[in-house]
Amino acid sequence: MAVPVLLAVVGTRAEMLASASLIQVWRGTDPLRLPFQPRLLVTGQERTELDQVLDALGIEPDADLGAKTPHQTDAVVASRLLADLESALRHHGASAVLAVGSSATAWAAAVTAYLKGLPVVHLGAGVFELEGERPFPEWLHRRDLAWLADLHLCPDESCAEALRQETRTPGRIEVVGEGADDALAHALAHPPREGSDPTLSSLGEETPRVLLFIRRREHHADALRPLCRALDSLSERFSGGKGHADGVREANGADGVGGAREPDSHTETRGSRVEEPPSVAARAVRHDFVVVHSLQSHICDALTALLPKRDNVVGISPLPHAAFVREVARARLVVTDSAGVAREAALLRRPLVVIGSYSLLRSLPARGEGDWRLSEMNQESLESAIEGMLEKPVPPPAPASIAPPRAGERAADSILAWWRTGSVGRESRVGRAGRVTER
């Protein structure tokens, strides 16, 4: 008798980080102890970023669709994933499908499984509060996944409660923890041996860095102009290229024409020297602004063209995960629109500016009120948020390690218990037929 196959489908960096510890648990388990054969299928929706995580964690996929090519539209990506995944499910003889996260890969895997009458396990389950169709297109994917999945594995109780509030959410809901936290703990325990990006090696080790990671689909092409304008202004202000007094006079609004600025109510005079408030004086200190951008063409091409040409602004391609974690840990400030990166920064106790409000904050662990600020994608808001965070005291060093939540082990236990209830095969086809009628 053939062993049933549970096909885990992963397409992006974030999905691989979230599912890696589960895959490793399965591969470290005696196959005779599992009632199914787990297989890992990657779609290549994000090619380089996904491969970096696979290499860093030593995970070899069982199959690779290579479904993404440059400059594809969302509709083309979705249609190709649906067609390729239908063939893949048939080829592997899948009895159930594991979808991870909320990308086009997760959505297509769940839809394809549903159309073939196969049960769906959703790792990283939960729904967004709808805010004008943001985040795009994940708000749509997650709401479909909430209805399509038979087993919902949530990172925390707030996600589980959000699913319970969805009156049409079928299936079993369990809290297993955040799998990406396991990957972060692994990266801290296994720091990179090789050197960092060559561009980073040219920056001063002692110079404070502002690390920016931008990847949201809402923030592409011309939508990146406000960020680049803000960077142009901030990088000049924090260039450290002038003498200390000149930098302070410029930050205070001096016209730059000869002579020292007259003291005002915010300054103190000691002899012939004018003392400025520490927050103003700090603006003369050089900061390097490191922009790690997605390789998606609509983001990469725009940033390449729009980033200010200053020696303290550098744009680099995605780093291997352990090297990226090292940069997050050493950053003076992290600026991002990515829920995953925001969570990594929070766990590493880095000051944080989050771009976009749409349920991103739900992914953050409990933090002090002064640790982060929220900003919209406009120049004034970004400058205010970033400068406000840089005026705060320098944060203490990041922790050298974090305790892994063992989310992979908890997810593996939940899937095993669910599988042994007999849901796979018998309930999936009959139950789904009834749900189509009820909807």
Protein backbone atom coordinates (compact mmCIF):
# COMPACT_ATOMS: atom_id res chain seq x y z
CA MET A 1 0.00 0.00 0.00
CA ALA A 2 1.40 3.40 -1.02
CA VAL A 3 2.14 5.88 1.76
CA PRO A 4 0.01 9.05 1.44
CA VAL A 5 1.91 12.21 0.50
CA LEU A 6 1.60 15.52 2.30
CA LEU A 7 2.96 18.09 -0.14
CA ALA A 8 4.35 21.28 1.44
CA VAL A 9 4.32 24.10 -1.12
CA VAL A 10 6.62 27.11 -0.56
CA GLY A 11 7.34 30.03 -2.86
CA THR A 12 8.99 32.91 -0.99
CA ARG A 13 11.72 33.75 1.49
CA ALA A 14 9.21 34.49 4.24
CA GLU A 15 7.36 31.22 3.66
CA MET A 16 10.56 29.21 3.82
CA LEU A 17 11.60 30.89 7.06
CA ALA A 18 8.16 30.17 8.54
CA SER A 19 8.15 26.50 7.53
CA ALA A 20 11.84 25.56 7.81
CA SER A 21 11.69 24.25 11.37
CA LEU A 22 8.65 22.09 10.50
CA ILE A 23 10.43 20.65 7.45
CA GLN A 24 13.50 19.94 9.60
CA VAL A 25 11.37 18.15 12.22
CA TRP A 26 9.84 15.94 9.54
CA ARG A 27 13.22 15.14 7.99
CA GLY A 28 14.64 14.29 11.38
CA THR A 29 11.81 11.86 12.14
CA ASP A 30 11.93 8.14 11.34
CA PRO A 31 9.66 7.79 8.26
CA LEU A 32 8.08 4.69 9.80
CA ARG A 33 6.66 6.87 12.60
CA LEU A 34 4.75 9.10 10.20
CA PRO A 35 1.43 8.06 8.60
CA PHE A 36 2.34 10.19 5.57
CA GLN A 37 5.36 11.03 3.46
CA PRO A 38 6.19 14.77 3.67
CA ARG A 39 7.60 16.34 0.51
CA LEU A 40 8.78 19.90 -0.10
CA LEU A 41 7.87 21.55 -3.39
CA VAL A 42 9.21 25.07 -4.05
CA THR A 43 7.68 27.21 -6.78
CA GLY A 44 10.48 29.75 -7.13
CA GLN A 45 8.09 32.69 -6.84
CA GLU A 46 11.06 34.48 -5.25
CA ARG A 47 14.12 32.85 -6.74
CA THR A 48 17.25 34.31 -5.17
CA GLU A 49 15.73 35.13 -1.76
CA LEU A 50 14.22 31.64 -1.47
CA ASP A 51 17.45 29.89 -2.50
CA GLN A 52 19.41 31.89 0.09
CA VAL A 53 17.22 30.53 2.89
CA LEU A 54 17.36 26.98 1.56
CA ASP A 55 21.17 27.15 1.39
CA ALA A 56 21.51 28.76 4.82
CA LEU A 57 19.41 26.07 6.51
CA GLY A 58 20.71 23.17 4.45
CA ILE A 59 17.29 22.21 3.10
CA GLU A 60 17.04 20.48 -0.27
CA PRO A 61 13.57 20.62 -1.86
CA ASP A 62 12.08 17.48 -3.37
CA ALA A 63 10.93 19.40 -6.43
CA ASP A 64 11.22 22.89 -7.92
CA LEU A 65 8.66 24.35 -10.34
CA GLY A 66 10.74 27.39 -11.34
CA ALA A 67 7.45 29.15 -12.01
CA LYS A 68 8.55 32.80 -11.82
CA THR A 69 10.33 34.70 -14.55
CA PRO A 70 11.18 38.42 -14.61
CA HIS A 71 8.58 41.09 -15.41
CA GLN A 72 5.53 38.83 -15.06
CA THR A 73 2.22 40.39 -14.05
CA ASP A 74 0.33 39.15 -11.01
CA ALA A 75 -2.30 37.54 -13.23
CA VAL A 76 0.32 35.65 -15.26
CA VAL A 77 2.05 34.44 -12.08
CA ALA A 78 -1.24 33.25 -10.58
CA SER A 79 -2.37 31.45 -13.75
CA ARG A 80 0.98 29.73 -14.18
CA LEU A 81 1.06 28.63 -10.55
CA LEU A 82 -2.43 27.16 -10.80
CA ALA A 83 -1.53 25.17 -13.92
CA ASP A 84 1.87 24.00 -12.68
CA LEU A 85 0.58 23.06 -9.23
CA GLU A 86 -2.24 20.98 -10.69
CA SER A 87 0.34 18.94 -12.57
CA ALA A 88 2.60 18.75 -9.50
CA LEU A 89 -0.18 17.47 -7.23
CA ARG A 90 -0.98 14.78 -9.76
CA HIS A 91 2.68 13.87 -10.30
CA HIS A 92 3.41 13.51 -6.56
CA GLY A 93 0.13 11.74 -5.82
CA ALA A 94 -0.60 14.23 -3.05
CA SER A 95 -3.21 13.29 -0.45
CA ALA A 96 -3.08 16.69 1.28
CA VAL A 97 -1.38 20.05 0.79
CA LEU A 98 0.42 22.37 3.21
CA ALA A 99 0.20 26.06 2.24
CA VAL A 100 2.38 28.60 4.04
CA GLY A 101 1.78 32.31 4.54
CA SER A 102 -0.29 34.39 2.14
CA SER A 103 1.57 34.79 -1.13
CA ALA A 104 0.33 33.84 -4.59
CA THR A 105 1.98 30.44 -4.06
CA ALA A 106 0.00 29.76 -0.86
CA TRP A 107 -3.26 30.88 -2.48
CA ALA A 108 -2.69 28.84 -5.65
CA ALA A 109 -1.73 25.74 -3.65
CA ALA A 110 -4.91 25.94 -1.58
CA VAL A 111 -7.17 26.62 -4.58
CA THR A 112 -5.64 23.80 -6.60
CA ALA A 113 -5.97 21.36 -3.69
CA TYR A 114 -9.58 22.42 -3.15
CA LEU A 115 -10.46 21.87 -6.81
CA LYS A 116 -8.93 18.39 -6.59
CA GLY A 117 -10.84 17.58 -3.39
CA LEU A 118 -7.72 17.51 -1.20
CA PRO A 119 -7.57 18.85 2.37
CA VAL A 120 -5.45 21.92 3.06
CA VAL A 121 -3.25 22.71 6.06
CA HIS A 122 -2.46 26.41 6.39
CA LEU A 123 0.70 27.29 8.33
CA GLY A 124 0.78 30.94 9.41
CA ALA A 125 -2.99 31.20 9.40
CA GLY A 126 -4.95 34.33 10.27
CA VAL A 127 -6.85 37.12 8.57
CA PHE A 128 -6.11 40.81 8.06
CA GLU A 129 -8.32 43.65 9.07
CA LEU A 130 -9.37 45.04 5.71
CA GLU A 131 -7.90 48.50 5.11
CA GLY A 132 -8.68 49.55 1.56
CA GLU A 133 -7.52 46.25 0.03
CA ARG A 134 -4.19 46.46 1.84
CA PRO A 135 -1.87 44.67 2.08
CA PHE A 136 -2.24 43.91 -1.62
CA PRO A 137 -2.89 41.17 -2.61
CA GLU A 138 -2.45 39.25 0.64
CA TRP A 139 -5.73 40.51 2.12
CA LEU A 140 -7.53 38.55 -0.61
CA HIS A 141 -5.31 35.48 -0.33
CA ARG A 142 -5.72 35.21 3.44
CA ARG A 143 -9.50 35.49 3.32
CA ASP A 144 -9.68 32.73 0.70
CA LEU A 145 -7.24 30.59 2.69
CA ALA A 146 -9.35 31.07 5.82
CA TRP A 147 -12.25 29.44 4.01
CA LEU A 148 -10.32 26.78 2.09
CA ALA A 149 -8.15 25.32 4.88
CA ASP A 150 -9.11 22.28 6.98
CA LEU A 151 -6.41 22.86 9.60
CA HIS A 152 -5.34 26.38 10.56
CA LEU A 153 -1.97 26.62 12.32
CA CYS A 154 -1.75 30.13 13.79
CA PRO A 155 1.36 31.94 15.05
CA ASP A 156 -0.44 33.43 18.06
CA GLU A 157 -3.78 33.68 19.83
CA SER A 158 -4.71 36.99 18.17
CA CYS A 159 -4.56 35.34 14.74
CA ALA A 160 -6.58 32.38 16.01
CA GLU A 161 -9.21 34.72 17.47
CA ALA A 162 -9.42 36.65 14.20
CA LEU A 163 -10.16 33.38 12.42
CA ARG A 164 -12.81 32.44 14.98
CA GLN A 165 -14.54 35.75 14.28
CA GLU A 166 -14.81 34.77 10.62
CA THR A 167 -18.15 32.99 10.81
CA ARG A 168 -17.51 30.99 7.65
CA THR A 169 -14.09 29.71 8.68
CA PRO A 170 -14.25 25.90 8.66
CA GLY A 171 -11.72 23.47 10.04
CA ARG A 172 -9.63 23.14 13.14
CA ILE A 173 -7.77 26.15 14.59
CA GLU A 174 -4.62 25.71 16.66
CA VAL A 175 -1.85 28.01 17.93
CA VAL A 176 1.65 26.67 17.24
CA GLY A 177 3.92 29.74 17.42
CA GLU A 178 5.88 31.70 14.84
CA GLY A 179 8.09 29.42 12.76
CA ALA A 180 10.24 32.33 11.56
CA ASP A 181 11.35 32.86 15.16
CA ASP A 182 12.91 29.40 15.05
CA ALA A 183 14.83 30.48 11.92
CA LEU A 184 15.97 33.67 13.65
CA ALA A 185 17.23 31.69 16.65
CA HIS A 186 19.13 29.41 14.24
CA ALA A 187 20.71 32.39 12.44
CA LEU A 188 21.93 33.86 15.74
CA ALA A 189 23.34 30.51 16.81
CA HIS A 190 25.12 30.04 13.46
CA PRO A 191 26.60 33.42 12.47
CA PRO A 192 27.87 33.70 8.89
CA ARG A 193 31.47 32.73 8.26
CA GLU A 194 31.94 34.57 5.00
CA GLY A 195 32.31 38.33 4.68
CA SER A 196 29.33 40.58 4.16
CA ASP A 197 28.27 42.18 0.91
CA PRO A 198 31.31 43.90 -0.72
CA THR A 199 29.41 47.19 -0.66
CA LEU A 200 28.98 46.93 3.11
CA SER A 201 32.67 46.22 3.64
CA SER A 202 33.41 49.73 2.39
CA LEU A 203 31.36 51.28 5.20
CA GLY A 204 32.86 52.16 8.54
CA GLU A 205 32.28 49.52 11.21
CA GLU A 206 31.80 52.18 13.88
CA THR A 207 29.48 54.38 11.82
CA PRO A 208 25.83 54.06 12.91
CA ARG A 209 23.66 52.42 10.26
CA VAL A 210 20.04 52.83 9.32
CA LEU A 211 18.88 49.60 7.66
CA LEU A 212 15.95 49.82 5.24
CA PHE A 213 14.17 46.77 3.81
CA ILE A 214 11.38 47.49 1.29
CA ARG A 215 9.33 44.80 -0.42
CA ARG A 216 5.58 45.55 -0.33
CA ARG A 217 3.72 45.53 -3.63
CA GLU A 218 2.02 48.82 -2.70
CA HIS A 219 5.45 50.43 -2.59
CA HIS A 220 6.82 50.08 -6.08
CA ALA A 221 7.89 52.27 -9.01
CA ASP A 222 6.76 55.87 -8.44
CA ALA A 223 5.41 54.97 -4.99
CA LEU A 224 9.04 54.79 -3.86
CA ARG A 225 9.75 58.43 -4.69
CA PRO A 226 8.72 59.76 -1.25
CA LEU A 227 11.10 57.34 0.45
CA CYS A 228 13.99 58.28 -1.83
CA ARG A 229 13.33 61.99 -1.33
CA ALA A 230 13.29 61.47 2.43
CA LEU A 231 16.58 59.55 2.18
CA ASP A 232 18.10 62.35 0.14
CA SER A 233 17.24 64.89 2.82
CA LEU A 234 18.17 62.68 5.78
CA SER A 235 21.44 61.43 4.29
CA GLU A 236 22.56 65.03 3.75
CA ARG A 237 21.54 65.99 7.26
CA PHE A 238 23.37 62.98 8.74
CA SER A 239 26.36 63.08 6.39
CA GLY A 240 28.89 64.27 8.97
CA GLY A 241 30.65 65.96 6.07
CA LYS A 242 30.90 69.39 7.72
CA GLY A 243 32.57 70.48 10.87
CA HIS A 244 30.54 69.93 14.00
CA ALA A 245 29.64 73.60 14.46
CA ASP A 246 28.70 74.01 10.80
CA GLY A 247 26.51 70.92 10.96
CA VAL A 248 24.76 72.21 14.06
CA ARG A 249 24.21 75.67 12.56
CA GLU A 250 22.67 74.11 9.43
CA ALA A 251 20.43 71.83 11.49
CA ASN A 252 19.27 74.88 13.45
CA GLY A 253 18.37 76.78 10.28
CA ALA A 254 21.36 79.17 10.01
CA ASP A 255 21.80 80.87 6.65
CA GLY A 256 25.40 79.70 6.46
CA VAL A 257 26.78 83.18 5.77
CA GLY A 258 29.70 83.89 8.16
CA GLY A 259 29.70 84.08 11.94
CA ALA A 260 28.19 81.92 14.65
CA ARG A 261 24.49 81.76 15.29
CA GLU A 262 23.15 83.92 18.07
CA PRO A 263 22.09 81.96 21.16
CA ASP A 264 18.35 81.52 21.67
CA SER A 265 16.12 80.07 24.37
CA HIS A 266 17.23 76.53 23.48
CA THR A 267 20.97 77.13 23.81
CA GLU A 268 23.39 77.74 26.65
CA THR A 269 26.49 79.96 26.49
CA ARG A 270 29.69 78.96 28.24
CA GLY A 271 32.35 81.62 27.75
CA SER A 272 32.60 82.19 24.00
CA ARG A 273 31.18 78.73 23.12
CA VAL A 274 27.56 78.05 22.16
CA GLU A 275 26.20 74.72 23.50
CA GLU A 276 23.39 73.11 21.50
CA PRO A 277 20.87 70.57 22.75
CA PRO A 278 22.15 66.98 22.41
CA SER A 279 19.40 66.04 19.93
CA VAL A 280 20.51 68.83 17.59
CA ALA A 281 24.21 68.13 17.97
CA ALA A 282 23.56 64.45 17.18
CA ARG A 283 22.40 65.43 13.71
CA ALA A 284 25.98 66.27 12.71
CA VAL A 285 27.06 62.65 13.33
CA ARG A 286 27.40 60.63 10.15
CA HIS A 287 24.96 57.77 9.61
CA ASP A 288 25.09 55.27 6.77
CA PHE A 289 21.77 54.39 5.13
CA VAL A 290 21.75 50.80 3.81
CA VAL A 291 18.81 49.90 1.57
CA VAL A 292 18.30 46.15 1.10
CA HIS A 293 15.81 45.84 -1.71
CA SER A 294 13.77 43.00 -3.12
CA LEU A 295 14.84 41.65 -6.50
CA GLN A 296 11.30 42.05 -7.80
CA SER A 297 11.78 44.23 -10.87
CA HIS A 298 9.13 46.80 -9.92
CA ILE A 299 11.08 47.55 -6.71
CA CYS A 300 14.68 46.88 -7.75
CA ASP A 301 14.54 48.96 -10.95
CA ALA A 302 12.87 51.90 -9.23
CA LEU A 303 15.31 52.01 -6.31
CA THR A 304 18.29 51.72 -8.62
CA ALA A 305 17.09 54.80 -10.49
CA LEU A 306 15.77 56.85 -7.56
CA LEU A 307 18.19 56.29 -4.64
CA PRO A 308 20.17 59.46 -3.86
CA LYS A 309 23.78 59.38 -5.05
CA ARG A 310 25.54 60.01 -1.74
CA ASP A 311 28.46 58.20 -0.18
CA ASN A 312 26.41 57.37 2.92
CA VAL A 313 23.54 55.78 0.94
CA VAL A 314 24.04 52.29 -0.49
CA GLY A 315 21.61 49.91 -2.14
CA ILE A 316 22.33 46.18 -1.99
CA SER A 317 20.65 42.98 -3.12
CA PRO A 318 19.18 40.57 -0.55
CA LEU A 319 21.71 39.03 1.81
CA PRO A 320 21.81 35.41 2.98
CA HIS A 321 19.58 35.11 6.02
CA ALA A 322 22.30 34.87 8.69
CA ALA A 323 24.15 37.85 7.16
CA PHE A 324 20.93 39.84 7.03
CA VAL A 325 20.18 39.04 10.68
CA ARG A 326 23.67 40.28 11.56
CA GLU A 327 22.91 43.60 9.83
CA VAL A 328 19.58 43.92 11.63
CA ALA A 329 21.32 43.25 14.95
CA ARG A 330 23.94 45.94 14.42
CA ALA A 331 21.55 48.57 13.02
CA ARG A 332 20.96 51.84 14.86
CA LEU A 333 17.47 51.86 13.33
CA VAL A 334 15.45 49.52 11.08
CA VAL A 335 12.94 50.92 8.57
CA THR A 336 10.70 48.40 6.80
CA ASP A 337 7.32 47.60 5.31
CA SER A 338 7.85 43.85 5.87
CA ALA A 339 6.04 42.13 8.73
CA GLY A 340 8.74 39.48 8.98
CA VAL A 341 11.63 41.93 9.13
CA ALA A 342 9.72 44.13 11.59
CA ARG A 343 9.33 41.13 13.87
CA GLU A 344 13.03 40.23 13.60
CA ALA A 345 13.97 43.80 14.50
CA ALA A 346 11.59 43.74 17.46
CA LEU A 347 12.99 40.48 18.80
CA LEU A 348 16.51 41.88 18.43
CA ARG A 349 15.39 45.03 20.29
CA ARG A 350 16.20 47.39 17.45
CA PRO A 351 14.42 50.74 17.14
CA LEU A 352 11.93 50.43 14.31
CA VAL A 353 9.98 52.52 11.82
CA VAL A 354 7.13 50.57 10.24
CA ILE A 355 5.86 51.83 6.89
CA GLY A 356 2.14 51.16 6.48
CA SER A 357 -0.33 50.37 9.23
CA TYR A 358 -2.22 47.42 7.76
CA SER A 359 -2.09 44.77 10.48
CA LEU A 360 1.72 44.80 10.37
CA LEU A 361 1.78 45.61 14.06
CA ARG A 362 -0.03 42.38 14.88
CA SER A 363 3.16 40.51 13.97
CA LEU A 364 5.24 42.41 16.53
CA PRO A 365 5.93 40.95 19.97
CA ALA A 366 5.07 43.09 23.00
CA ARG A 367 7.40 46.09 23.15
CA GLY A 368 7.83 49.37 24.95
CA GLU A 369 5.91 52.30 23.48
CA GLY A 370 9.07 54.17 22.50
CA ASP A 371 10.61 51.32 20.47
CA TRP A 372 8.81 51.94 17.18
CA ARG A 373 7.01 54.50 15.13
CA LEU A 374 4.48 54.18 12.36
CA SER A 375 4.87 56.09 9.09
CA GLU A 376 2.92 56.45 5.90
CA MET A 377 4.76 56.36 2.59
CA ASN A 378 5.15 60.11 2.24
CA GLN A 379 8.25 62.25 2.61
CA GLU A 380 7.17 64.33 5.59
CA SER A 381 5.98 61.36 7.62
CA LEU A 382 9.10 59.32 6.84
CA GLU A 383 11.51 62.13 7.69
CA SER A 384 9.71 62.88 10.94
CA ALA A 385 9.60 59.22 12.03
CA ILE A 386 13.19 58.38 11.12
CA GLU A 387 14.68 61.57 12.54
CA GLY A 388 12.58 61.21 15.68
CA MET A 389 13.93 57.71 16.29
CA LEU A 390 17.53 58.79 15.62
CA GLU A 391 17.21 61.54 18.21
CA LYS A 392 16.60 58.92 20.90
CA PRO A 393 19.49 57.45 22.90
CA VAL A 394 21.55 54.77 21.14
CA PRO A 395 19.98 51.38 21.94
CA PRO A 396 21.88 48.70 23.83
CA PRO A 397 23.43 45.87 21.82
CA ALA A 398 21.11 43.24 20.37
CA PRO A 399 20.84 39.95 22.26
CA ALA A 400 23.31 37.33 21.10
CA SER A 401 20.60 34.65 21.14
CA ILE A 402 16.88 34.13 21.57
CA ALA A 403 14.98 31.11 22.84
CA PRO A 404 13.42 29.28 19.89
CA PRO A 405 9.65 28.80 20.32
CA ARG A 406 9.90 25.30 18.79
CA ALA A 407 7.03 26.18 16.50
CA GLY A 408 8.12 23.49 14.05
CA GLU A 409 7.70 20.77 16.67
CA ARG A 410 4.29 22.08 17.73
CA ALA A 411 3.12 22.32 14.14
CA ALA A 412 4.32 18.77 13.44
CA ASP A 413 2.41 17.47 16.49
CA SER A 414 -0.77 19.30 15.45
CA ILE A 415 -0.62 17.97 11.89
CA LEU A 416 0.02 14.43 13.11
CA ALA A 417 -2.92 14.56 15.53
CA TRP A 418 -5.20 16.00 12.83
CA TRP A 419 -4.12 13.38 10.29
CA ARG A 420 -4.82 10.56 12.72
CA THR A 421 -8.42 11.72 13.16
CA GLY A 422 -9.05 10.25 9.70
CA SER A 423 -9.79 13.62 8.10
CA VAL A 424 -7.62 12.96 5.08
CA GLY A 425 -9.42 11.20 2.24
CA ARG A 426 -12.80 10.39 3.78
CA GLU A 427 -13.92 13.76 5.20
CA SER A 428 -12.14 15.98 2.73
CA ARG A 429 -14.13 15.12 -0.40
CA VAL A 430 -17.54 14.66 1.19
CA GLY A 431 -17.17 17.63 3.54
CA ARG A 432 -15.97 19.95 0.81
CA ALA A 433 -18.86 19.11 -1.45
CA GLY A 434 -21.19 20.22 1.35
CA ARG A 435 -19.28 23.46 1.89
CA VAL A 436 -19.64 24.44 -1.75
CA THR A 437 -23.42 24.11 -1.40
CA GLU A 438 -23.49 26.08 1.86
CA ARG A 439 -21.38 29.00 0.67
